[in-house]
Amino acid sequence: MQAAAGSAMIGAGVALRDYVQSPWGRALGYGGLVLSGATVIALGETAEGQRGIFGDDNAVVVDQIRQEIGDLGITPGPESDVDSVIERGPLVTWLLLGLFALTFIALTYLSIRMDFAFMNKLAGFFEKRGATRPFTCTGVIYAAVVYALFEVEMRNR
């Protein structure tokens, strides 16, 4: 259910350009879609049949997250990073953090620009073929791809 609802919301977000002309209206529409998507994901059932994002035992979830990302030091938590900050100095630490933030922002910006360029090309393709709502057709393609990727991921687990 979550995969179907999530992919439908992504398709609706792409199709929104056909129905709402105002940039502010589209921004409100995107915000509403994001909030409703987060609500569907949060209230849906997990693979274990539990409702909500987290199960009954939050300590198990925290332990799983620690195992997935690996403990950063000998003792997990902020205390494990103190030695590396003292070793490099706070200036180097803040410079590295700033460089990471700038790189993240730049890559996110480029990713969004490339996605919009691809979306516009695909909508142009449908428009040349006579589609009256080209972004709706593009949204259907996006929704199908997202759903298929989710299904492939679930089968590979």
C-alpha atoms as a PDB file:
ATOM      1  CA  MET A   1       0.000   0.000   0.000  1.00  0.00           C
ATOM      2  CA  GLN A   2       2.819   2.392   0.865  1.00  0.00           C
ATOM      3  CA  ALA A   3       4.549   1.819  -2.463  1.00  0.00           C
ATOM      4  CA  ALA A   4       1.369   2.391  -4.441  1.00  0.00           C
ATOM      5  CA  ALA A   5       0.441   5.512  -2.474  1.00  0.00           C
ATOM      6  CA  GLY A   6       3.967   6.913  -2.639  1.00  0.00           C
ATOM      7  CA  SER A   7       4.325   6.358  -6.364  1.00  0.00           C
ATOM      8  CA  ALA A   8       0.861   7.833  -6.985  1.00  0.00           C
ATOM      9  CA  MET A   9       1.842  10.949  -5.043  1.00  0.00           C
ATOM     10  CA  ILE A  10       5.029  11.320  -7.056  1.00  0.00           C
ATOM     11  CA  GLY A  11       3.000  11.005 -10.251  1.00  0.00           C
ATOM     12  CA  ALA A  12       0.524  13.575  -8.944  1.00  0.00           C
ATOM     13  CA  GLY A  13       3.390  15.931  -8.120  1.00  0.00           C
ATOM     14  CA  VAL A  14       4.680  15.731 -11.676  1.00  0.00           C
ATOM     15  CA  ALA A  15       1.182  16.107 -13.131  1.00  0.00           C
ATOM     16  CA  LEU A  16       0.501  19.172 -10.988  1.00  0.00           C
ATOM     17  CA  ARG A  17       2.136  21.388 -13.644  1.00  0.00           C
ATOM     18  CA  ASP A  18      -0.725  20.635 -16.018  1.00  0.00           C
ATOM     19  CA  TYR A  19      -3.394  21.773 -13.586  1.00  0.00           C
ATOM     20  CA  VAL A  20      -1.870  24.587 -11.497  1.00  0.00           C
ATOM     21  CA  GLN A  21      -0.209  27.455 -13.364  1.00  0.00           C
ATOM     22  CA  SER A  22       0.855  29.615 -10.405  1.00  0.00           C
ATOM     23  CA  PRO A  23       4.300  28.812  -8.925  1.00  0.00           C
ATOM     24  CA  TRP A  24       2.945  29.581  -5.441  1.00  0.00           C
ATOM     25  CA  GLY A  25      -0.015  27.294  -6.020  1.00  0.00           C
ATOM     26  CA  ARG A  26       2.287  24.514  -7.194  1.00  0.00           C
ATOM     27  CA  ALA A  27       4.484  25.035  -4.128  1.00  0.00           C
ATOM     28  CA  LEU A  28       1.430  24.652  -1.893  1.00  0.00           C
ATOM     29  CA  GLY A  29       0.365  21.588  -3.868  1.00  0.00           C
ATOM     30  CA  TYR A  30       3.831  20.015  -3.539  1.00  0.00           C
ATOM     31  CA  GLY A  31       3.797  20.753   0.188  1.00  0.00           C
ATOM     32  CA  GLY A  32       0.405  19.112   0.565  1.00  0.00           C
ATOM     33  CA  LEU A  33       1.579  16.066  -1.365  1.00  0.00           C
ATOM     34  CA  VAL A  34       4.709  15.761   0.770  1.00  0.00           C
ATOM     35  CA  LEU A  35       2.686  15.980   3.991  1.00  0.00           C
ATOM     36  CA  SER A  36       0.104  13.474   2.809  1.00  0.00           C
ATOM     37  CA  GLY A  37       2.846  11.126   1.593  1.00  0.00           C
ATOM     38  CA  ALA A  38       4.620  11.305   4.929  1.00  0.00           C
ATOM     39  CA  THR A  39       1.324  10.584   6.667  1.00  0.00           C
ATOM     40  CA  VAL A  40       0.634   7.528   4.506  1.00  0.00           C
ATOM     41  CA  ILE A  41       4.113   6.174   5.157  1.00  0.00           C
ATOM     42  CA  ALA A  42       3.915   6.898   8.885  1.00  0.00           C
ATOM     43  CA  LEU A  43       0.492   5.330   9.386  1.00  0.00           C
ATOM     44  CA  GLY A  44       0.879   2.361   7.079  1.00  0.00           C
ATOM     45  CA  GLU A  45       1.788  -1.120   8.258  1.00  0.00           C
ATOM     46  CA  THR A  46       5.388  -2.278   8.211  1.00  0.00           C
ATOM     47  CA  ALA A  47       6.464  -5.613   6.742  1.00  0.00           C
ATOM     48  CA  GLU A  48       6.162  -7.125  10.230  1.00  0.00           C
ATOM     49  CA  GLY A  49       2.530  -6.006  10.481  1.00  0.00           C
ATOM     50  CA  GLN A  50       3.158  -3.168  12.935  1.00  0.00           C
ATOM     51  CA  ARG A  51       1.530   0.207  12.486  1.00  0.00           C
ATOM     52  CA  GLY A  52       3.556   3.387  12.475  1.00  0.00           C
ATOM     53  CA  ILE A  53       7.131   4.196  11.597  1.00  0.00           C
ATOM     54  CA  PHE A  54       8.704   2.575  14.630  1.00  0.00           C
ATOM     55  CA  GLY A  55       7.825  -0.678  16.270  1.00  0.00           C
ATOM     56  CA  ASP A  56       6.956  -1.148  19.899  1.00  0.00           C
ATOM     57  CA  ASP A  57      10.587  -1.327  21.043  1.00  0.00           C
ATOM     58  CA  ASN A  58      12.528   1.784  20.029  1.00  0.00           C
ATOM     59  CA  ALA A  59      15.759   0.390  21.518  1.00  0.00           C
ATOM     60  CA  VAL A  60      15.744  -2.323  18.830  1.00  0.00           C
ATOM     61  CA  VAL A  61      15.345   0.318  16.101  1.00  0.00           C
ATOM     62  CA  VAL A  62      18.202   2.406  17.521  1.00  0.00           C
ATOM     63  CA  ASP A  63      20.398  -0.689  17.717  1.00  0.00           C
ATOM     64  CA  GLN A  64      19.611  -1.583  14.099  1.00  0.00           C
ATOM     65  CA  ILE A  65      20.481   1.944  12.959  1.00  0.00           C
ATOM     66  CA  ARG A  66      23.785   1.791  14.856  1.00  0.00           C
ATOM     67  CA  GLN A  67      24.619  -1.539  13.250  1.00  0.00           C
ATOM     68  CA  GLU A  68      23.775  -0.246   9.769  1.00  0.00           C
ATOM     69  CA  ILE A  69      25.892   2.902   9.969  1.00  0.00           C
ATOM     70  CA  GLY A  70      28.526   1.422  12.259  1.00  0.00           C
ATOM     71  CA  ASP A  71      29.612   2.845  15.568  1.00  0.00           C
ATOM     72  CA  LEU A  72      31.766   5.913  14.998  1.00  0.00           C
ATOM     73  CA  GLY A  73      34.165   5.193  17.823  1.00  0.00           C
ATOM     74  CA  ILE A  74      34.837   2.843  20.661  1.00  0.00           C
ATOM     75  CA  THR A  75      31.829   4.158  22.551  1.00  0.00           C
ATOM     76  CA  PRO A  76      28.823   5.090  20.432  1.00  0.00           C
ATOM     77  CA  GLY A  77      27.609   8.651  20.543  1.00  0.00           C
ATOM     78  CA  PRO A  78      29.134  12.119  20.634  1.00  0.00           C
ATOM     79  CA  GLU A  79      31.806  11.084  23.165  1.00  0.00           C
ATOM     80  CA  SER A  80      33.465   8.893  20.533  1.00  0.00           C
ATOM     81  CA  ASP A  81      34.118  11.865  18.243  1.00  0.00           C
ATOM     82  CA  VAL A  82      35.822  14.136  20.767  1.00  0.00           C
ATOM     83  CA  ASP A  83      39.316  12.783  20.088  1.00  0.00           C
ATOM     84  CA  SER A  84      39.084  13.407  16.348  1.00  0.00           C
ATOM     85  CA  VAL A  85      37.926  17.004  16.906  1.00  0.00           C
ATOM     86  CA  ILE A  86      40.804  17.682  19.309  1.00  0.00           C
ATOM     87  CA  GLU A  87      43.254  15.964  16.958  1.00  0.00           C
ATOM     88  CA  ARG A  88      42.320  18.072  13.907  1.00  0.00           C
ATOM     89  CA  GLY A  89      41.197  21.196  15.650  1.00  0.00           C
ATOM     90  CA  PRO A  90      37.796  22.898  15.518  1.00  0.00           C
ATOM     91  CA  LEU A  91      38.664  25.036  12.488  1.00  0.00           C
ATOM     92  CA  VAL A  92      39.430  22.031  10.298  1.00  0.00           C
ATOM     93  CA  THR A  93      36.320  20.269  11.581  1.00  0.00           C
ATOM     94  CA  TRP A  94      34.097  23.256  10.707  1.00  0.00           C
ATOM     95  CA  LEU A  95      35.765  23.643   7.313  1.00  0.00           C
ATOM     96  CA  LEU A  96      35.126  19.988   6.525  1.00  0.00           C
ATOM     97  CA  LEU A  97      31.537  20.309   7.706  1.00  0.00           C
ATOM     98  CA  GLY A  98      31.067  23.414   5.542  1.00  0.00           C
ATOM     99  CA  LEU A  99      32.620  21.671   2.542  1.00  0.00           C
ATOM    100  CA  PHE A 100      30.279  18.721   3.049  1.00  0.00           C
ATOM    101  CA  ALA A 101      27.268  21.048   3.302  1.00  0.00           C
ATOM    102  CA  LEU A 102      28.239  22.952   0.140  1.00  0.00           C
ATOM    103  CA  THR A 103      28.849  19.707  -1.759  1.00  0.00           C
ATOM    104  CA  PHE A 104      25.503  18.323  -0.607  1.00  0.00           C
ATOM    105  CA  ILE A 105      23.663  21.492  -1.649  1.00  0.00           C
ATOM    106  CA  ALA A 106      25.424  21.585  -5.043  1.00  0.00           C
ATOM    107  CA  LEU A 107      24.706  17.922  -5.787  1.00  0.00           C
ATOM    108  CA  THR A 108      21.090  18.295  -4.717  1.00  0.00           C
ATOM    109  CA  TYR A 109      20.690  21.374  -6.929  1.00  0.00           C
ATOM    110  CA  LEU A 110      22.257  19.621  -9.935  1.00  0.00           C
ATOM    111  CA  SER A 111      20.137  16.527  -9.354  1.00  0.00           C
ATOM    112  CA  ILE A 112      16.932  18.560  -9.245  1.00  0.00           C
ATOM    113  CA  ARG A 113      17.914  20.546 -12.352  1.00  0.00           C
ATOM    114  CA  MET A 114      18.679  17.333 -14.260  1.00  0.00           C
ATOM    115  CA  ASP A 115      15.389  15.816 -13.140  1.00  0.00           C
ATOM    116  CA  PHE A 116      13.440  18.884 -14.301  1.00  0.00           C
ATOM    117  CA  ALA A 117      15.298  18.873 -17.637  1.00  0.00           C
ATOM    118  CA  PHE A 118      14.474  15.197 -18.153  1.00  0.00           C
ATOM    119  CA  MET A 119      10.862  15.776 -17.077  1.00  0.00           C
ATOM    120  CA  ASN A 120      10.503  18.660 -19.542  1.00  0.00           C
ATOM    121  CA  LYS A 121      12.014  16.574 -22.374  1.00  0.00           C
ATOM    122  CA  LEU A 122       9.635  13.709 -21.638  1.00  0.00           C
ATOM    123  CA  ALA A 123       6.667  16.092 -21.455  1.00  0.00           C
ATOM    124  CA  GLY A 124       7.801  17.646 -24.758  1.00  0.00           C
ATOM    125  CA  PHE A 125       7.864  14.172 -26.272  1.00  0.00           C
ATOM    126  CA  PHE A 126       4.254  13.573 -25.222  1.00  0.00           C
ATOM    127  CA  GLU A 127       3.219  17.059 -26.348  1.00  0.00           C
ATOM    128  CA  LYS A 128       4.631  16.444 -29.841  1.00  0.00           C
ATOM    129  CA  ARG A 129       2.535  13.297 -30.018  1.00  0.00           C
ATOM    130  CA  GLY A 130      -0.639  15.275 -29.295  1.00  0.00           C
ATOM    131  CA  ALA A 131      -1.097  14.843 -25.547  1.00  0.00           C
ATOM    132  CA  THR A 132      -3.180  17.660 -24.111  1.00  0.00           C
ATOM    133  CA  ARG A 133      -1.780  17.053 -20.602  1.00  0.00           C
ATOM    134  CA  PRO A 134       1.876  16.099 -21.215  1.00  0.00           C
ATOM    135  CA  PHE A 135       2.962  16.341 -17.572  1.00  0.00           C
ATOM    136  CA  THR A 136       0.183  13.973 -16.571  1.00  0.00           C
ATOM    137  CA  CYS A 137       1.580  11.408 -18.998  1.00  0.00           C
ATOM    138  CA  THR A 138       5.051  12.070 -17.587  1.00  0.00           C
ATOM    139  CA  GLY A 139       3.682  11.633 -14.048  1.00  0.00           C
ATOM    140  CA  VAL A 140       2.284   8.232 -14.983  1.00  0.00           C
ATOM    141  CA  ILE A 141       5.741   7.187 -16.236  1.00  0.00           C
ATOM    142  CA  TYR A 142       7.419   8.503 -13.060  1.00  0.00           C
ATOM    143  CA  ALA A 143       4.891   6.729 -10.830  1.00  0.00           C
ATOM    144  CA  ALA A 144       5.355   3.434 -12.682  1.00  0.00           C
ATOM    145  CA  VAL A 145       9.153   3.674 -12.443  1.00  0.00           C
ATOM    146  CA  VAL A 146       9.056   4.467  -8.713  1.00  0.00           C
ATOM    147  CA  TYR A 147       6.677   1.585  -8.041  1.00  0.00           C
ATOM    148  CA  ALA A 148       8.821  -0.813 -10.081  1.00  0.00           C
ATOM    149  CA  LEU A 149      12.000   0.277  -8.257  1.00  0.00           C
ATOM    150  CA  PHE A 150      10.303  -0.242  -4.904  1.00  0.00           C
ATOM    151  CA  GLU A 151       9.169  -3.727  -5.904  1.00  0.00           C
ATOM    152  CA  VAL A 152      12.661  -4.649  -7.105  1.00  0.00           C
ATOM    153  CA  GLU A 153      14.120  -3.429  -3.821  1.00  0.00           C
ATOM    154  CA  MET A 154      11.602  -5.436  -1.788  1.00  0.00           C
ATOM    155  CA  ARG A 155      12.348  -8.606  -3.759  1.00  0.00           C
ATOM    156  CA  ASN A 156      16.102  -8.179  -3.290  1.00  0.00           C
ATOM    157  CA  ARG A 157      15.836  -7.943   0.503  1.00  0.00           C
END
